[in-house]
Protein backbone atom coordinates (compact mmCIF):
# COMPACT_ATOMS: atom_id res chain seq x y z
CA MET A 1 0.08 -0.02 -0.06
CA THR A 2 1.33 3.30 -1.07
CA LEU A 3 1.52 6.20 1.16
CA SER A 4 -1.27 8.41 -1.31
CA ASN A 5 -3.47 5.36 -1.04
CA ARG A 6 -2.96 5.27 3.07
CA VAL A 7 -3.81 9.58 2.26
CA ALA A 8 -7.32 8.72 0.61
CA GLN A 9 -8.80 6.05 2.92
CA GLY A 10 -8.43 8.68 5.49
CA GLY A 11 -10.38 11.50 2.74
CA LEU A 12 -7.66 13.02 0.61
CA GLU A 13 -7.48 11.41 -3.06
CA SER A 14 -3.89 13.98 -3.38
CA VAL A 15 -1.71 15.82 -1.25
CA GLY A 16 1.50 16.64 -3.57
CA LYS A 17 4.91 15.45 -3.20
CA ALA A 18 5.41 12.07 -1.52
CA GLU A 19 7.74 13.67 1.08
CA ARG A 20 4.63 15.84 2.04
CA VAL A 21 2.18 12.43 2.22
CA ALA A 22 4.99 11.02 4.62
CA SER A 23 5.39 14.01 7.17
CA LEU A 24 2.12 13.98 7.49
CA THR A 25 1.50 10.84 8.61
CA GLY A 26 4.54 11.38 10.46
CA ILE A 27 2.69 13.82 12.86
CA ARG A 28 0.45 11.97 13.61
CA ALA A 29 2.89 10.13 15.83
CA VAL A 30 3.49 13.21 17.46
CA ALA A 31 0.44 14.06 18.25
CA ALA A 32 -0.55 10.41 19.77
CA LEU A 33 3.02 10.90 21.35
CA LEU A 34 2.08 13.90 22.76
CA VAL A 35 -1.51 12.46 24.10
CA MET A 36 0.50 9.08 26.19
CA LEU A 37 2.45 11.82 27.68
CA THR A 38 0.13 14.11 29.07
CA HIS A 39 -1.39 10.94 31.15
CA ALA A 40 1.68 9.68 32.06
CA ALA A 41 2.13 12.83 33.37
CA TYR A 42 -1.07 12.69 35.21
CA THR A 43 -0.85 9.21 36.57
CA THR A 44 2.15 9.91 38.29
CA GLY A 45 0.72 13.04 39.40
CA LYS A 46 2.86 15.53 37.76
CA TYR A 47 -0.05 17.42 37.93
CA THR A 48 0.29 19.52 41.10
CA HIS A 49 4.20 20.33 40.21
CA GLY A 50 3.13 23.73 39.86
CA TYR A 51 3.54 25.23 36.52
CA GLU A 52 5.82 22.07 35.07
CA GLY A 53 2.82 20.13 35.91
CA LEU A 54 1.04 22.73 33.62
CA VAL A 55 3.16 22.11 31.01
CA TYR A 56 2.57 18.46 31.01
CA SER A 57 -0.97 18.57 31.35
CA ARG A 58 -0.41 21.34 28.04
CA ALA A 59 0.85 18.19 26.50
CA GLU A 60 -2.79 17.37 25.55
CA ILE A 61 -2.50 19.71 22.74
CA GLY A 62 -2.17 16.33 20.35
CA VAL A 63 -6.42 15.96 20.43
CA PRO A 64 -6.44 19.71 18.62
CA ILE A 65 -3.47 18.19 16.46
CA PHE A 66 -5.69 15.46 15.05
CA PHE A 67 -8.18 18.02 14.99
CA VAL A 68 -6.72 19.70 12.24
CA LEU A 69 -5.32 16.71 10.21
CA SER A 70 -8.72 15.86 9.87
CA GLY A 71 -10.13 19.34 8.97
CA PHE A 72 -7.40 20.08 5.78
CA LEU A 73 -7.41 16.50 5.29
CA LEU A 74 -10.78 16.11 5.09
CA PHE A 75 -11.78 19.01 3.56
CA ALA A 76 -9.42 19.28 1.46
CA PRO A 77 -11.60 16.80 -1.64
CA TRP A 78 -14.24 19.81 -1.09
CA VAL A 79 -11.51 22.90 -1.90
CA LYS A 80 -9.60 20.82 -4.76
CA ALA A 81 -12.76 19.83 -6.69
CA SER A 82 -13.89 23.66 -5.81
CA ALA A 83 -11.04 25.40 -7.03
CA THR A 84 -11.16 22.86 -10.18
CA ALA A 85 -14.73 22.91 -11.58
CA GLY A 86 -14.53 19.55 -10.86
CA ALA A 87 -17.16 17.05 -9.18
CA PRO A 88 -16.99 17.06 -5.30
CA PRO A 89 -16.47 13.42 -3.10
CA SER A 90 -18.95 11.28 -3.01
CA VAL A 91 -21.22 11.78 0.52
CA ARG A 92 -21.83 8.34 0.20
CA ARG A 93 -18.16 7.34 -0.23
CA TYR A 94 -16.20 9.24 2.20
CA ALA A 95 -18.82 8.29 4.63
CA TRP A 96 -18.18 4.43 4.27
CA HIS A 97 -14.31 5.15 3.81
CA ARG A 98 -14.77 7.24 7.74
CA VAL A 99 -16.68 3.84 9.22
CA ARG A 100 -14.27 1.45 7.77
CA ARG A 101 -11.10 3.30 8.79
CA ILE A 102 -12.48 4.01 12.42
CA MET A 103 -14.75 1.15 13.82
CA PRO A 104 -13.05 -2.44 13.54
CA ALA A 105 -10.08 -0.80 16.04
CA TYR A 106 -11.97 0.95 18.34
CA VAL A 107 -14.62 -1.46 18.78
CA VAL A 108 -11.80 -4.33 19.12
CA THR A 109 -10.01 -1.85 22.23
CA VAL A 110 -13.41 -1.76 23.52
CA LEU A 111 -14.31 -4.94 24.12
CA ALA A 112 -11.13 -5.96 25.11
CA ALA A 113 -11.44 -2.79 27.97
CA TYR A 114 -14.90 -3.94 29.19
CA LEU A 115 -13.62 -7.94 29.23
CA LEU A 116 -10.21 -7.08 31.04
CA TYR A 117 -11.84 -4.62 33.86
CA HIS A 118 -14.22 -7.46 34.51
CA PHE A 119 -11.22 -9.40 35.58
CA ARG A 120 -9.63 -6.61 37.44
CA THR A 121 -10.86 -5.11 40.43
CA ALA A 122 -10.41 -1.51 39.90
CA GLY A 123 -11.67 1.94 41.27
CA PRO A 124 -15.10 3.50 40.77
CA ASN A 125 -15.79 2.75 36.82
CA PRO A 126 -19.45 3.96 36.13
CA GLY A 127 -19.09 3.11 32.37
CA HIS A 128 -18.52 -0.59 32.96
CA THR A 129 -22.30 -1.44 32.79
CA TRP A 130 -24.67 -2.85 29.65
CA GLU A 131 -26.01 0.61 28.63
CA GLY A 132 -22.05 2.10 29.31
CA LEU A 133 -20.99 -0.64 26.84
CA PHE A 134 -23.68 0.43 24.22
CA ARG A 135 -23.40 3.74 24.75
CA ASN A 136 -19.07 3.30 24.56
CA LEU A 137 -19.53 1.40 21.09
CA THR A 138 -21.28 3.60 19.70
CA LEU A 139 -20.14 6.46 20.73
CA THR A 140 -22.58 8.72 22.49
CA GLN A 141 -20.88 8.60 25.79
CA ILE A 142 -20.17 12.02 25.89
CA TYR A 143 -24.27 13.11 25.30
CA THR A 144 -25.22 12.60 28.77
CA ASP A 145 -25.49 14.38 32.19
CA ASN A 146 -23.44 13.85 35.00
CA TYR A 147 -20.47 12.33 32.62
CA LEU A 148 -17.66 11.78 35.03
CA TYR A 149 -20.53 9.51 36.96
CA SER A 150 -22.54 8.30 33.50
CA PHE A 151 -20.94 6.43 31.08
CA LEU A 152 -16.72 7.31 31.34
CA HIS A 153 -15.14 3.77 31.36
CA GLN A 154 -12.23 3.77 33.25
CA GLY A 155 -10.27 2.46 30.41
CA LEU A 156 -11.23 5.27 27.52
CA THR A 157 -11.24 8.54 29.18
CA GLN A 158 -9.79 9.46 25.93
CA MET A 159 -12.36 8.44 23.53
CA TRP A 160 -14.58 11.57 24.00
CA SER A 161 -12.04 13.00 21.84
CA LEU A 162 -12.53 10.60 20.03
CA ALA A 163 -16.87 11.06 19.79
CA VAL A 164 -15.86 14.17 18.97
CA GLU A 165 -13.76 13.94 15.63
CA VAL A 166 -16.70 11.10 14.31
CA ALA A 167 -19.27 13.96 15.17
CA PHE A 168 -17.26 16.20 12.37
CA TYR A 169 -17.41 13.29 10.03
CA ILE A 170 -20.67 13.24 10.19
CA VAL A 171 -21.14 17.52 9.80
CA LEU A 172 -18.45 18.41 7.55
CA PRO A 173 -19.93 17.17 4.30
CA LEU A 174 -22.99 19.63 5.17
CA LEU A 175 -20.30 22.60 6.06
CA ALA A 176 -18.88 21.87 3.08
CA TYR A 177 -22.20 21.77 1.94
CA LEU A 178 -22.77 25.08 2.80
CA LEU A 179 -19.66 26.75 2.23
CA LEU A 180 -19.06 25.80 -0.91
CA VAL A 181 -22.71 25.80 -3.16
CA VAL A 182 -24.48 28.69 -0.06
CA LEU A 183 -21.70 30.92 -0.04
CA CYS A 184 -19.21 30.44 -2.48
CA ARG A 185 -22.17 29.29 -5.05
CA ARG A 186 -20.15 26.65 -6.88
CA ARG A 187 -17.59 29.29 -8.19
CA TRP A 188 -13.84 29.49 -7.00
CA ARG A 189 -13.54 32.33 -4.25
CA PRO A 190 -11.40 31.60 -1.80
CA GLY A 191 -11.99 34.96 -0.42
CA LEU A 192 -15.29 34.31 0.78
CA LEU A 193 -14.32 31.06 1.22
CA LEU A 194 -11.86 32.07 4.48
CA ALA A 195 -14.48 34.59 5.44
CA GLY A 196 -17.20 31.63 5.64
CA LEU A 197 -14.77 29.85 7.98
CA GLY A 198 -13.91 32.10 9.81
CA GLY A 199 -16.96 33.13 10.68
CA LEU A 200 -17.93 29.47 11.42
CA GLY A 201 -15.05 29.64 13.87
CA LEU A 202 -17.06 32.46 16.02
CA LEU A 203 -18.33 29.11 16.73
CA THR A 204 -16.72 27.69 19.43
CA PRO A 205 -16.48 30.86 21.83
CA ALA A 206 -19.73 31.06 21.23
CA TRP A 207 -20.77 28.33 22.42
CA LEU A 208 -18.33 28.62 25.63
CA ILE A 209 -20.18 31.33 25.99
CA LEU A 210 -23.25 29.81 26.26
CA VAL A 211 -22.76 26.49 27.62
CA HIS A 212 -20.43 28.96 30.93
CA THR A 213 -23.11 31.35 31.49
CA THR A 214 -26.33 28.82 31.11
CA ASP A 215 -27.37 26.11 32.91
CA PHE A 216 -29.81 23.96 30.69
CA LEU A 217 -27.03 21.94 29.19
CA PRO A 218 -26.03 18.61 30.23
CA ASP A 219 -22.34 19.44 31.89
CA ALA A 220 -21.16 16.97 29.17
CA ALA A 221 -22.44 19.62 26.80
CA ARG A 222 -18.70 20.87 27.27
CA LEU A 223 -17.02 18.03 25.33
CA TRP A 224 -19.40 18.80 22.93
CA LEU A 225 -17.89 19.27 19.17
CA PRO A 226 -18.93 23.24 18.57
CA THR A 227 -16.22 23.45 21.79
CA TYR A 228 -13.60 22.25 19.27
CA LEU A 229 -14.76 23.78 16.16
CA LEU A 230 -12.22 26.05 15.59
CA TRP A 231 -9.23 23.23 15.72
CA PHE A 232 -11.30 21.39 12.94
CA ILE A 233 -11.79 25.13 11.26
CA GLY A 234 -7.71 25.87 11.38
CA GLY A 235 -6.89 22.61 9.23
CA MET A 236 -9.65 23.61 6.92
CA VAL A 237 -8.19 27.17 6.23
CA LEU A 238 -5.08 25.20 5.05
CA ALA A 239 -7.18 23.14 3.00
CA ALA A 240 -8.39 26.26 1.37
CA LEU A 241 -5.28 27.82 0.95
CA GLN A 242 -3.11 25.14 -0.79
CA PRO A 243 -4.85 25.78 -3.58
CA LEU A 244 -3.14 29.31 -3.79
CA GLY A 245 0.23 28.14 -3.26
CA VAL A 246 0.75 29.96 0.11
CA ARG A 247 3.37 28.54 1.69
CA ALA A 248 4.16 28.08 5.42
CA TYR A 249 7.43 27.57 6.35
CA ALA A 250 9.39 25.38 9.76
CA LEU A 251 10.91 28.09 10.70
CA ALA A 252 8.65 30.24 11.65
CA CYS A 253 5.96 28.03 12.89
CA ILE A 254 7.30 25.84 14.80
CA PRO A 255 8.97 28.74 16.98
CA LEU A 256 5.89 30.71 16.86
CA ALA A 257 3.98 27.22 18.65
CA ALA A 258 6.34 26.52 21.27
CA ILE A 259 6.09 30.23 22.14
CA CYS A 260 2.39 29.73 22.18
CA TYR A 261 2.56 27.09 23.76
CA PHE A 262 4.64 28.22 27.08
CA ILE A 263 2.38 31.10 27.19
CA VAL A 264 -0.86 28.41 27.53
CA SER A 265 1.01 26.67 30.33
CA THR A 266 0.69 29.80 32.99
CA PRO A 267 -2.41 29.21 34.36
CA ILE A 268 -4.43 31.98 31.92
CA ALA A 269 -5.54 28.73 30.16
CA GLY A 270 -6.65 27.26 33.51
CA GLU A 271 -6.20 24.09 35.51
CA PRO A 272 -4.67 21.35 33.87
CA THR A 273 -7.94 19.56 32.89
CA THR A 274 -9.86 19.11 29.29
CA SER A 275 -12.41 22.08 30.79
CA PRO A 276 -11.74 24.48 32.11
CA ALA A 277 -13.86 26.03 34.72
CA GLU A 278 -14.11 29.51 34.01
CA LEU A 279 -15.01 30.73 30.70
CA ARG A 280 -11.99 33.30 30.18
CA GLU A 281 -9.87 30.34 30.85
CA ALA A 282 -11.72 28.25 28.39
CA LEU A 283 -12.02 30.58 25.47
CA VAL A 284 -7.65 32.35 25.92
CA LYS A 285 -6.81 27.50 25.80
CA ALA A 286 -9.85 27.59 22.92
CA GLY A 287 -7.50 30.10 20.47
CA PHE A 288 -3.85 28.87 21.52
CA TYR A 289 -4.64 25.54 20.99
CA ALA A 290 -5.58 26.19 17.28
CA VAL A 291 -2.87 28.54 16.63
CA ILE A 292 -0.39 25.88 18.22
CA SER A 293 -1.85 22.82 16.32
CA THR A 294 -2.32 24.80 13.01
CA LEU A 295 0.99 26.20 13.32
CA MET A 296 2.94 22.75 13.83
CA VAL A 297 1.23 21.73 10.85
CA ALA A 298 0.72 24.40 8.51
CA PRO A 299 4.79 23.88 7.04
CA LEU A 300 3.76 20.23 6.19
CA ALA A 301 0.50 20.97 4.35
CA LEU A 302 1.58 23.93 2.72
CA GLY A 303 4.62 22.61 1.29
CA ASP A 304 7.58 23.16 3.47
CA ARG A 305 10.16 20.24 2.50
CA GLY A 306 12.45 21.40 5.04
CA LEU A 307 13.98 19.50 8.32
CA TYR A 308 10.77 19.44 9.65
CA ALA A 309 9.23 17.73 6.85
CA ARG A 310 12.44 15.57 6.29
CA PHE A 311 11.82 14.49 10.36
CA LEU A 312 8.70 13.81 10.04
CA GLY A 313 8.95 11.68 7.22
CA SER A 314 11.48 9.52 8.22
CA ARG A 315 10.44 5.75 8.09
CA PRO A 316 10.75 5.93 12.14
CA MET A 317 7.84 8.49 12.42
CA VAL A 318 6.37 7.29 9.72
CA PHE A 319 5.50 3.83 10.86
CA LEU A 320 4.64 5.35 13.92
CA GLY A 321 2.23 7.47 11.73
CA GLU A 322 0.48 4.46 10.66
CA ILE A 323 -0.21 2.65 14.33
CA SER A 324 -0.79 6.52 15.63
CA TYR A 325 -3.98 5.86 16.27
CA GLU A 326 -4.35 2.36 17.27
CA ILE A 327 -1.70 4.04 20.07
CA PHE A 328 -4.05 6.59 20.45
CA LEU A 329 -6.34 3.71 21.22
CA ILE A 330 -5.13 1.25 23.76
CA HIS A 331 -2.61 3.42 25.28
CA LEU A 332 -4.65 4.27 28.58
CA LEU A 333 -5.13 0.34 28.94
CA THR A 334 -1.43 -0.65 28.07
CA MET A 335 -0.68 2.46 30.83
CA GLU A 336 -3.06 1.04 33.86
CA LEU A 337 -1.03 -2.29 33.71
CA VAL A 338 2.13 -1.12 33.06
CA MET A 339 1.23 0.65 36.62
CA VAL A 340 0.26 -1.85 38.52
CA GLU A 341 2.16 -5.22 37.28
CA VAL A 342 4.85 -4.17 35.92
CA VAL A 343 6.48 -0.59 37.21
CA ARG A 344 4.54 -0.90 40.16
CA TYR A 345 4.04 3.02 41.22
CA PRO A 346 1.01 3.50 43.29
CA ILE A 347 -1.34 5.74 41.54
CA TYR A 348 -0.40 9.62 41.47
CA THR A 349 4.21 8.19 41.74
CA GLY A 350 6.79 7.39 40.60
CA SER A 351 8.56 8.69 37.45
CA MET A 352 6.62 9.92 34.83
CA TRP A 353 8.94 9.35 32.03
CA MET A 354 9.78 6.00 33.56
CA LEU A 355 6.34 5.17 33.10
CA PHE A 356 5.96 6.51 29.60
CA PHE A 357 8.54 4.56 27.72
CA VAL A 358 7.83 1.31 29.53
CA THR A 359 3.92 1.83 27.71
CA PHE A 360 5.67 2.73 25.33
CA ALA A 361 7.26 0.04 24.47
CA VAL A 362 4.49 -2.11 25.62
CA THR A 363 2.11 -0.97 23.69
CA VAL A 364 3.80 -0.57 19.59
CA PRO A 365 4.19 -3.88 19.12
CA LEU A 366 0.14 -4.26 20.34
CA ALA A 367 -0.45 -0.92 18.23
CA TRP A 368 0.95 -2.99 14.98
CA LEU A 369 -1.15 -6.29 15.45
CA LEU A 370 -4.26 -4.05 16.71
CA HIS A 371 -3.30 -1.86 13.24
CA ARG A 372 -2.41 -5.30 10.94
CA PHE A 373 -5.64 -7.09 11.25
CA THR A 374 -7.95 -4.70 11.74
CA ARG A 375 -6.79 -2.18 9.29
CA VAL A 376 -8.64 -1.14 5.71
CA ARG A 377 -6.94 -3.45 2.79
CA THR A 378 -6.89 -2.13 -0.50
CA THR A 379 -5.91 -3.68 -3.67
């Protein structure tokens, strides 16, 4: 299977040069490992270590990177069709590709988690019920009130972001229709398209204001798609810029992303939690994460073939990128087993880096096996 075939499965028929496709695969590895790192920091109690703890907690930026990549890769075929006056992608084909790519490995992981925790003595695990199993299998676990005590399974807590991702998959064809057909009237109007994306991005602050100032929505509404839509739009903007020949260079983007990262690691973005308690903190976090993740993807999406792209396009990074989804799926299960059975740290103690590297060593071969037996095969 070629790299271009793999990207096509993700909804993009053609991204461009092979090196750039490889680097877009490689940055998935970075995103998955950042998510693993932040969970290792949480599990070993590092979140409470002042500014250092906030820096580790913000490694959750891996999730926005995944969202930006999805926005770019999946919206690009619609943009390309508009820019070249071609036929838009088939929605039916798009939907089928999404189901085939996401669900096999996910279903295996959920069933394995429920089976594993059936035989393990664990702490409070409210999602470990038949209804919880149904909700997790259907990625509807976040659509509830009292979220932390409803369907949150101990080995699957990261799956809220996959539920958000799937919600984006569902609404993307509608967004493409509104932007390219209704707004741009089936003509290539990049300025109008970018303006429309800017307007669409205002839904995130509007939603955050709504959920922080009212109480008629379930508490899990802070985890619904509108909260994170701005991150997907970062990738959609890159897709709109690509046909214009706009270039972004890592020499400028990556230092700026790093500066923004260390700024957002201050208390201005709230405590180390997925959903900040205060409106101001939530707005700051949403904005900074959108900027950081978009800057990290921009050089790869917009033509930079320098050291940054070459590193992410290297064989080790591409290998890890190919199994990044599976790493994301199973790393909390393997981390819990490593914590209890291998390094034997009491919860919220121990070396973060030891837990991270041992979890990495255990997770990668298992993720490869999961990928191998659930991947989509093409002829």
